[in-house]
Amino acid sequence: MKILFIHQNFPGQFKHLAPALAAQGHEVVALTLRVKKETPWNGVRILPYTVERKGGQALHPWLVDFDTKLTRGECCYHAACELRDSGFAPDVIIAHPGWGESMFLRDVWPEARLGLYCELYHLDEYPHTGFDPEFQPKTPPTETLRLRMKNLNNHLHFAVANAGLSPTNFQADSFPASFRDRITTCFDGIDTRALVPNPKARLEFQSGLALGREDEVITFVNRNLEPYRGYHVFMRALPRLLRERPNAHVLIVGGDDVSYGARPPKGQTWKQIFIDEVRSQIPDDDWARVRFLGRIPYDRFFALLQASRVHVYLTYPFVLSWSLFETMSVEGAIVASNTAPVQELITHDETGRLVDFFDGDAIVEEVCTLLDDAKLRERLGKAARSHVVRNYDLQTICLPRQLQWVRDLAAMDPLETVSPCI
């Protein structure tokens, strides 16, 4: 079978699936912006495509997002035509449609089956919209109209796609019923054989400090430090947390950019905005126990999770972070927000402790409870790992399901798609 992957940052969510298909003997090719020339990787032939910027167009603000996707879709179309003319005709196309690249690929290969990685559909009702009263849209009366336009890319893909794959039920359920029935829920997979607990794990610093689970290590991890992942709530809880735990070390991982949601005022970062807000409430000696680690290599990140005594995870109702699954896999004791996607993974007092997203005092109280109770941490941590092994393990659960999804996709009638509806 010939299989084509489309992802602007390949392999992305396909880092396990694409090599596994190649290992089975399939011819696997990927189109991506990530490389500048043809690159072999784990049996996959990775090919580049480039985006030609179009300037000078006057656009309605609601169309800027779609215009970017349309530009990428057109450029990827031309690269696909070159690939077709070289003799490659995929039986299956597997695409992350979020950046628009796969919009016109069925025009190039009408006989191919198209499967989509369904990350999220933009809904205009609470809690998907308006969850955090502190960060409301500047023009709330028209926000629903803007979001409807933002889904243009999704609907254009629904019309040509045969099936979808979504990592959680929360994400899959955000899609309209007309396409939801075609979505299989299967997480990307956690390598639980590698991500194991290690009571002796130590995280070392250039100062000579070394921290492990015998220390009061509290961790907080985002890709980028921003409100969507509760950074502002955690920072506002920090003064009390440091007062109540004079021996605690707080390790914060995350970049200064924005992954989701609105950008901060020009020239500022969310990270610094909330540092500035709370810094005057924290004595210097306490502040010295807070370390912003930025983005760190994966082996160091792995050691951080193993060394953490309590991990705090907060998120809006949105896609779940891999870091939450990874923390559970290493038997982390977790305090997390009781938002809908988290509730799909964590049951209160079984696999972690859940608190209201906005309740900083409750976060502090739950963290302190876990810091003081080794038996409770052990019980929650072991149950968390057991849950991930049973339901999200890469080799025994997720990858076999994904491979079956590809086989089912390949067996579909190429014309079996959903009529567009907006």
Protein backbone atom coordinates (compact mmCIF):
# COMPACT_ATOMS: atom_id res chain seq x y z
CA MET A 1 0.00 0.00 0.00
CA LYS A 2 1.14 3.55 -0.75
CA ILE A 3 0.51 6.03 2.05
CA LEU A 4 0.98 9.81 2.06
CA PHE A 5 1.22 11.81 5.29
CA ILE A 6 0.57 15.55 5.39
CA HIS A 7 1.70 17.60 8.39
CA GLN A 8 3.30 21.04 8.37
CA ASN A 9 5.66 19.91 11.14
CA PHE A 10 5.94 16.20 10.29
CA PRO A 11 5.98 13.79 12.02
CA GLY A 12 3.98 15.60 14.73
CA GLN A 13 1.23 13.31 15.95
CA PHE A 14 2.29 10.68 13.40
CA LYS A 15 5.74 10.03 14.87
CA HIS A 16 4.82 6.44 15.78
CA LEU A 17 2.24 5.60 13.12
CA ALA A 18 4.25 6.55 10.03
CA PRO A 19 7.36 4.45 10.90
CA ALA A 20 5.15 1.54 11.96
CA LEU A 21 3.46 1.51 8.56
CA ALA A 22 6.84 1.68 6.83
CA ALA A 23 8.06 -1.23 8.97
CA GLN A 24 5.09 -3.27 7.73
CA GLY A 25 6.36 -2.87 4.18
CA HIS A 26 4.15 -0.04 2.97
CA GLU A 27 5.59 2.76 0.84
CA VAL A 28 5.29 5.80 3.10
CA VAL A 29 5.85 9.37 1.93
CA ALA A 30 5.32 12.65 3.80
CA LEU A 31 4.90 16.22 2.57
CA THR A 32 5.93 18.89 5.06
CA LEU A 33 7.33 22.38 5.53
CA ARG A 34 9.82 21.04 8.05
CA VAL A 35 12.55 19.97 5.61
CA LYS A 36 14.24 21.81 2.76
CA LYS A 37 15.19 18.74 0.74
CA GLU A 38 14.19 15.09 0.48
CA THR A 39 15.05 13.37 3.77
CA PRO A 40 14.79 9.69 4.77
CA TRP A 41 13.51 9.01 8.29
CA ASN A 42 12.66 5.63 9.83
CA GLY A 43 11.62 4.19 6.48
CA VAL A 44 9.62 7.28 5.50
CA ARG A 45 10.54 9.43 2.50
CA ILE A 46 10.02 13.02 3.63
CA LEU A 47 9.54 15.59 0.86
CA PRO A 48 9.42 19.36 1.21
CA TYR A 49 6.91 21.82 -0.06
CA THR A 50 7.29 25.57 0.19
CA VAL A 51 4.85 28.40 0.81
CA GLU A 52 4.93 31.35 -1.52
CA ARG A 53 3.77 34.39 0.37
CA LYS A 54 1.16 36.53 -1.32
CA GLY A 55 1.29 40.18 -0.34
CA GLY A 56 -0.92 43.19 -0.67
CA GLN A 57 -4.30 41.52 -0.28
CA ALA A 58 -6.90 43.49 1.69
CA LEU A 59 -8.83 41.03 3.82
CA HIS A 60 -11.61 41.12 6.35
CA PRO A 61 -10.04 40.19 9.75
CA TRP A 62 -12.21 37.10 9.98
CA LEU A 63 -10.70 35.79 6.74
CA VAL A 64 -7.02 36.20 7.64
CA ASP A 65 -6.88 32.76 9.29
CA PHE A 66 -8.56 31.06 6.33
CA ASP A 67 -6.43 32.96 3.81
CA THR A 68 -3.30 31.52 5.44
CA LYS A 69 -4.74 28.01 5.23
CA LEU A 70 -5.84 28.54 1.64
CA THR A 71 -2.34 29.69 0.68
CA ARG A 72 -0.82 26.56 2.22
CA GLY A 73 -3.45 24.38 0.60
CA GLU A 74 -2.64 25.81 -2.82
CA CYS A 75 1.12 25.38 -2.36
CA CYS A 76 0.72 21.82 -1.10
CA TYR A 77 -1.56 21.11 -4.08
CA HIS A 78 1.22 22.09 -6.49
CA ALA A 79 3.73 19.90 -4.63
CA ALA A 80 1.25 17.02 -4.76
CA CYS A 81 0.83 17.47 -8.51
CA GLU A 82 4.59 17.15 -8.94
CA LEU A 83 4.55 14.01 -6.80
CA ARG A 84 1.67 12.58 -8.86
CA ASP A 85 3.46 13.37 -12.12
CA SER A 86 6.54 11.51 -10.82
CA GLY A 87 4.38 8.38 -10.63
CA PHE A 88 3.29 8.31 -6.96
CA ALA A 89 -0.41 7.56 -6.38
CA PRO A 90 -1.31 7.01 -2.72
CA ASP A 91 -4.00 4.55 -1.71
CA VAL A 92 -4.40 6.45 1.57
CA ILE A 93 -3.71 10.05 2.58
CA ILE A 94 -3.44 10.77 6.30
CA ALA A 95 -3.42 14.47 7.11
CA HIS A 96 -3.51 16.95 9.93
CA PRO A 97 -5.82 19.49 8.25
CA GLY A 98 -5.31 22.25 10.79
CA TRP A 99 -3.07 24.34 8.53
CA GLY A 100 -5.03 23.76 5.32
CA GLU A 101 -2.44 21.75 3.37
CA SER A 102 -4.71 18.81 2.58
CA MET A 103 -7.62 20.92 1.31
CA PHE A 104 -7.17 20.06 -2.39
CA LEU A 105 -5.43 16.68 -2.32
CA ARG A 106 -8.48 14.72 -3.42
CA ASP A 107 -8.43 16.89 -6.54
CA VAL A 108 -4.98 15.48 -7.25
CA TRP A 109 -5.80 11.88 -6.29
CA PRO A 110 -9.60 11.37 -6.45
CA GLU A 111 -9.24 7.61 -5.89
CA ALA A 112 -7.29 7.98 -2.65
CA ARG A 113 -8.95 7.62 0.76
CA LEU A 114 -8.44 10.66 3.00
CA GLY A 115 -8.19 10.29 6.78
CA LEU A 116 -7.99 13.36 9.02
CA TYR A 117 -6.38 13.91 12.41
CA CYS A 118 -9.28 15.70 14.09
CA GLU A 119 -7.71 17.89 16.75
CA LEU A 120 -10.58 20.27 17.55
CA TYR A 121 -13.67 21.89 16.07
CA HIS A 122 -14.25 25.49 17.16
CA LEU A 123 -17.45 25.73 19.17
CA ASP A 124 -19.04 29.02 20.13
CA GLU A 125 -20.74 28.03 23.37
CA TYR A 126 -19.50 27.80 26.95
CA PRO A 127 -17.15 26.32 28.08
CA HIS A 128 -15.40 26.13 24.70
CA THR A 129 -15.85 29.89 24.42
CA GLY A 130 -15.95 32.37 27.27
CA PHE A 131 -14.52 29.95 29.83
CA ASP A 132 -12.18 32.48 31.45
CA PRO A 133 -13.97 35.76 32.27
CA GLU A 134 -10.63 37.54 32.55
CA PHE A 135 -9.81 36.99 28.88
CA GLN A 136 -12.99 37.62 26.93
CA PRO A 137 -12.99 38.52 23.21
CA LYS A 138 -12.86 42.24 22.48
CA THR A 139 -16.03 42.00 20.36
CA PRO A 140 -18.15 39.29 22.07
CA PRO A 141 -21.37 39.94 20.04
CA THR A 142 -19.59 38.87 16.85
CA GLU A 143 -17.38 36.16 18.30
CA THR A 144 -19.76 33.38 17.24
CA LEU A 145 -19.66 34.67 13.68
CA ARG A 146 -15.85 34.75 13.67
CA LEU A 147 -15.66 31.19 14.98
CA ARG A 148 -18.09 30.02 12.32
CA MET A 149 -15.75 31.42 9.70
CA LYS A 150 -12.78 29.79 11.44
CA ASN A 151 -14.43 26.41 10.80
CA LEU A 152 -14.46 26.93 7.02
CA ASN A 153 -11.31 24.83 6.77
CA ASN A 154 -12.91 21.99 8.74
CA HIS A 155 -16.03 21.94 6.57
CA LEU A 156 -14.13 21.97 3.32
CA HIS A 157 -12.22 18.93 4.59
CA PHE A 158 -15.39 17.13 5.75
CA ALA A 159 -16.63 17.19 2.16
CA VAL A 160 -13.65 15.20 0.86
CA ALA A 161 -12.60 13.09 3.87
CA ASN A 162 -13.52 9.48 4.45
CA ALA A 163 -12.72 9.17 8.17
CA GLY A 164 -11.17 10.89 11.15
CA LEU A 165 -8.93 10.05 14.10
CA SER A 166 -9.07 12.02 17.34
CA PRO A 167 -6.97 11.55 20.51
CA THR A 168 -9.74 12.03 23.10
CA ASN A 169 -13.52 11.87 23.25
CA PHE A 170 -13.61 15.52 24.35
CA GLN A 171 -11.91 16.53 21.10
CA ALA A 172 -13.90 14.15 18.92
CA ASP A 173 -17.19 15.26 20.46
CA SER A 174 -16.51 18.86 19.50
CA PHE A 175 -17.13 17.94 15.85
CA PRO A 176 -20.60 18.13 14.22
CA ALA A 177 -22.71 15.00 14.26
CA SER A 178 -22.49 14.78 10.47
CA PHE A 179 -18.78 14.00 10.79
CA ARG A 180 -18.50 12.77 14.39
CA ASP A 181 -19.76 9.33 13.36
CA ARG A 182 -16.71 8.98 11.13
CA ILE A 183 -14.20 9.77 13.88
CA THR A 184 -12.39 7.03 15.78
CA THR A 185 -11.07 8.01 19.20
CA CYS A 186 -7.52 6.84 19.83
CA PHE A 187 -4.76 8.66 21.67
CA ASP A 188 -1.32 9.09 20.07
CA GLY A 189 0.16 6.66 22.60
CA ILE A 190 2.54 6.75 25.56
CA ASP A 191 5.68 4.60 25.65
CA THR A 192 5.05 3.31 29.16
CA ARG A 193 8.01 0.93 28.91
CA ALA A 194 10.35 3.92 28.70
CA LEU A 195 8.35 6.36 30.82
CA VAL A 196 8.69 4.52 34.12
CA PRO A 197 8.95 5.75 37.70
CA ASN A 198 12.38 6.12 39.21
CA PRO A 199 12.47 6.96 42.94
CA LYS A 200 16.18 7.69 42.63
CA ALA A 201 15.83 10.21 39.77
CA ARG A 202 17.72 13.46 40.34
CA LEU A 203 17.48 16.75 38.52
CA GLU A 204 20.80 18.57 38.66
CA PHE A 205 21.52 22.27 38.23
CA GLN A 206 24.70 24.18 37.40
CA SER A 207 24.68 25.67 40.90
CA GLY A 208 25.31 22.19 42.29
CA LEU A 209 21.76 21.76 43.55
CA ALA A 210 20.25 18.32 42.90
CA LEU A 211 16.57 17.59 43.53
CA GLY A 212 14.64 14.31 43.77
CA ARG A 213 11.41 12.99 45.23
CA GLU A 214 12.87 13.09 48.72
CA ASP A 215 12.69 16.86 48.28
CA GLU A 216 9.50 18.90 48.04
CA VAL A 217 9.63 19.35 44.28
CA ILE A 218 6.52 20.91 42.71
CA THR A 219 6.38 20.99 38.92
CA PHE A 220 4.29 22.95 36.43
CA VAL A 221 4.71 22.34 32.69
CA ASN A 222 3.39 24.14 29.60
CA ARG A 223 4.70 24.25 26.05
CA ASN A 224 4.38 28.01 26.50
CA LEU A 225 3.44 29.81 29.69
CA GLU A 226 0.01 31.27 28.95
CA PRO A 227 -3.55 31.55 30.32
CA TYR A 228 -4.96 28.66 28.24
CA ARG A 229 -2.86 26.33 30.38
CA GLY A 230 -3.61 28.09 33.67
CA TYR A 231 -0.27 29.80 34.09
CA HIS A 232 -1.92 32.91 35.54
CA VAL A 233 -3.85 30.85 38.09
CA PHE A 234 -0.75 28.94 39.16
CA MET A 235 1.31 32.10 39.53
CA ARG A 236 -1.35 33.76 41.67
CA ALA A 237 -1.34 30.71 43.94
CA LEU A 238 2.44 30.80 44.23
CA PRO A 239 2.84 33.37 47.06
CA ARG A 240 0.70 31.32 49.44
CA LEU A 241 2.22 28.04 48.30
CA LEU A 242 5.74 29.28 49.02
CA ARG A 243 4.70 30.65 52.43
CA GLU A 244 3.13 27.38 53.48
CA ARG A 245 5.94 25.20 52.13
CA PRO A 246 9.24 26.83 53.18
CA ASN A 247 11.21 23.79 51.93
CA ALA A 248 9.52 23.45 48.55
CA HIS A 249 11.21 23.98 45.20
CA VAL A 250 8.95 25.05 42.32
CA LEU A 251 10.13 24.12 38.83
CA ILE A 252 8.30 25.74 35.93
CA VAL A 253 8.83 24.52 32.36
CA GLY A 254 7.65 26.43 29.30
CA GLY A 255 8.53 28.95 26.65
CA ASP A 256 7.72 32.65 26.38
CA ASP A 257 5.65 32.42 23.20
CA VAL A 258 1.93 31.69 22.70
CA SER A 259 0.62 28.31 21.58
CA TYR A 260 -3.08 28.93 22.10
CA GLY A 261 -5.36 31.88 22.66
CA ALA A 262 -4.70 35.59 22.51
CA ARG A 263 -1.27 37.14 22.52
CA PRO A 264 -0.27 39.47 25.35
CA PRO A 265 0.03 43.23 24.80
CA LYS A 266 2.73 44.10 22.28
CA GLY A 267 6.25 43.79 23.60
CA GLN A 268 5.24 41.70 26.62
CA THR A 269 5.00 38.01 27.50
CA TRP A 270 2.41 36.27 29.63
CA LYS A 271 5.29 34.83 31.61
CA GLN A 272 6.59 38.23 32.67
CA ILE A 273 3.16 39.81 33.10
CA PHE A 274 2.25 37.38 35.86
CA ILE A 275 5.71 37.36 37.40
CA ASP A 276 5.35 41.13 37.75
CA GLU A 277 1.89 40.72 39.24
CA VAL A 278 2.95 38.43 42.11
CA ARG A 279 6.62 39.23 42.65
CA SER A 280 6.03 41.91 45.28
CA GLN A 281 4.10 39.35 47.37
CA ILE A 282 7.05 36.94 47.50
CA PRO A 283 10.15 37.57 49.66
CA ASP A 284 13.51 37.14 47.92
CA ASP A 285 14.35 34.00 49.90
CA ASP A 286 11.13 32.38 48.75
CA TRP A 287 11.56 33.58 45.16
CA ALA A 288 14.97 31.90 45.10
CA ARG A 289 13.13 28.56 45.35
CA VAL A 290 11.28 29.20 42.06
CA ARG A 291 13.09 28.22 38.87
CA PHE A 292 11.90 28.96 35.35
CA LEU A 293 13.59 26.32 33.20
CA GLY A 294 12.27 27.42 29.81
CA ARG A 295 12.11 24.63 27.24
CA ILE A 296 14.34 21.73 28.16
CA PRO A 297 15.64 18.61 26.35
CA TYR A 298 13.41 15.58 26.62
CA ASP A 299 15.80 13.54 28.77
CA ARG A 300 15.92 16.38 31.30
CA PHE A 301 12.14 16.78 31.09
CA PHE A 302 11.76 13.05 31.76
CA ALA A 303 14.01 13.31 34.82
CA LEU A 304 12.01 16.32 36.02
CA LEU A 305 8.75 14.34 35.94
CA GLN A 306 10.38 11.43 37.77
CA ALA A 307 11.83 13.75 40.43
CA SER A 308 8.60 15.68 40.96
CA ARG A 309 6.78 15.02 44.22
CA VAL A 310 3.62 16.86 43.10
CA HIS A 311 2.75 17.95 39.58
CA VAL A 312 0.18 20.69 38.85
CA TYR A 313 -1.69 20.61 35.54
CA LEU A 314 -4.26 23.22 34.55
CA THR A 315 -6.04 23.74 31.26
CA TYR A 316 -9.04 25.43 29.70
CA PRO A 317 -11.53 23.01 28.07
CA PHE A 318 -9.16 22.28 25.22
CA VAL A 319 -6.79 19.62 23.90
CA LEU A 320 -4.90 17.68 26.57
CA SER A 321 -1.13 17.98 26.88
CA TRP A 322 1.08 14.92 26.38
CA SER A 323 2.84 15.98 29.60
CA LEU A 324 -0.19 14.97 31.65
CA PHE A 325 -0.13 11.42 30.26
CA GLU A 326 3.64 11.27 30.69
CA THR A 327 3.42 12.39 34.31
CA MET A 328 0.86 9.68 35.00
CA SER A 329 3.10 7.10 33.33
CA VAL A 330 5.94 7.83 35.80
CA GLU A 331 3.52 7.54 38.77
CA GLY A 332 3.26 11.27 39.33
CA ALA A 333 0.99 12.61 42.06
CA ILE A 334 -1.12 15.16 40.21
CA VAL A 335 -3.29 18.15 41.13
CA ALA A 336 -5.28 19.10 38.02
CA SER A 337 -8.15 21.30 36.95
CA ASN A 338 -11.56 19.65 36.87
CA THR A 339 -12.18 20.76 33.29
CA ALA A 340 -13.88 18.33 30.91
CA PRO A 341 -10.84 17.01 28.99
CA VAL A 342 -8.96 16.35 32.24
CA GLN A 343 -11.94 14.50 33.71
CA GLU A 344 -11.70 12.07 30.80
CA LEU A 345 -8.25 11.05 32.05
CA ILE A 346 -8.28 11.69 35.82
CA THR A 347 -10.87 10.58 38.34
CA HIS A 348 -10.78 12.57 41.56
CA ASP A 349 -9.00 10.76 44.38
CA GLU A 350 -8.39 7.71 42.19
CA THR A 351 -5.77 8.79 39.63
CA GLY A 352 -5.20 12.35 40.86
CA ARG A 353 -6.83 15.23 42.70
CA LEU A 354 -9.11 17.63 40.85
CA VAL A 355 -9.75 21.27 41.72
CA ASP A 356 -11.65 24.16 40.22
CA PHE A 357 -9.49 25.76 37.52
CA PHE A 358 -9.81 29.23 39.04
CA ASP A 359 -9.44 28.30 42.73
CA GLY A 360 -5.85 29.06 43.66
CA ASP A 361 -6.47 28.34 47.34
CA ALA A 362 -7.79 24.87 46.52
CA ILE A 363 -4.70 24.23 44.39
CA VAL A 364 -2.45 25.15 47.32
CA GLU A 365 -4.45 23.01 49.74
CA GLU A 366 -4.39 19.95 47.49
CA VAL A 367 -0.67 20.34 46.79
CA CYS A 368 0.05 20.60 50.51
CA THR A 369 -2.09 17.54 51.23
CA LEU A 370 -0.10 15.48 48.74
CA LEU A 371 3.26 16.81 49.90
CA ASP A 372 2.44 15.69 53.44
CA ASP A 373 1.00 12.26 52.62
CA ALA A 374 3.43 9.79 51.07
CA LYS A 375 0.89 6.94 51.10
CA LEU A 376 -1.67 9.06 49.26
CA ARG A 377 0.91 10.07 46.65
CA GLU A 378 1.89 6.46 46.16
CA ARG A 379 -1.72 5.29 45.81
CA LEU A 380 -2.62 7.99 43.29
CA GLY A 381 0.61 7.60 41.36
CA LYS A 382 0.34 3.83 40.97
CA ALA A 383 -3.31 4.11 39.94
CA ALA A 384 -2.42 6.83 37.42
CA ARG A 385 0.25 4.67 35.80
CA SER A 386 -2.01 1.63 35.77
CA HIS A 387 -4.72 3.66 34.01
CA VAL A 388 -2.31 4.89 31.33
CA VAL A 389 -0.86 1.41 30.77
CA ARG A 390 -4.34 -0.11 30.39
CA ASN A 391 -5.76 2.58 28.12
CA TYR A 392 -3.04 4.65 26.47
CA ASP A 393 0.02 2.43 26.08
CA LEU A 394 1.67 2.93 22.71
CA GLN A 395 2.62 -0.64 21.81
CA THR A 396 -0.29 -2.63 23.21
CA ILE A 397 -3.25 -0.23 22.83
CA CYS A 398 -2.83 2.90 20.73
CA LEU A 399 -0.58 1.86 17.86
CA PRO A 400 -2.55 -1.34 17.11
CA ARG A 401 -5.77 0.73 17.05
CA GLN A 402 -4.21 3.32 14.75
CA LEU A 403 -2.95 0.63 12.37
CA GLN A 404 -6.42 -0.91 12.30
CA TRP A 405 -7.87 2.52 11.55
CA VAL A 406 -5.55 2.80 8.54
CA ARG A 407 -6.60 -0.66 7.32
CA ASP A 408 -10.28 0.28 7.70
CA LEU A 409 -9.66 3.55 5.89
CA ALA A 410 -7.96 1.77 3.00
CA ALA A 411 -10.97 -0.54 2.65
CA MET A 412 -13.45 2.33 2.27
CA ASP A 413 -15.07 3.47 -0.95
CA PRO A 414 -13.21 6.66 -1.95
CA LEU A 415 -16.56 8.33 -2.67
CA GLU A 416 -17.87 7.60 0.83
CA THR A 417 -17.60 11.15 2.19
CA VAL A 418 -19.77 13.65 4.02
CA SER A 419 -21.72 16.37 2.25
CA PRO A 420 -20.54 19.86 3.24
CA CYS A 421 -22.69 21.74 5.70
CA ILE A 422 -22.00 25.15 7.25
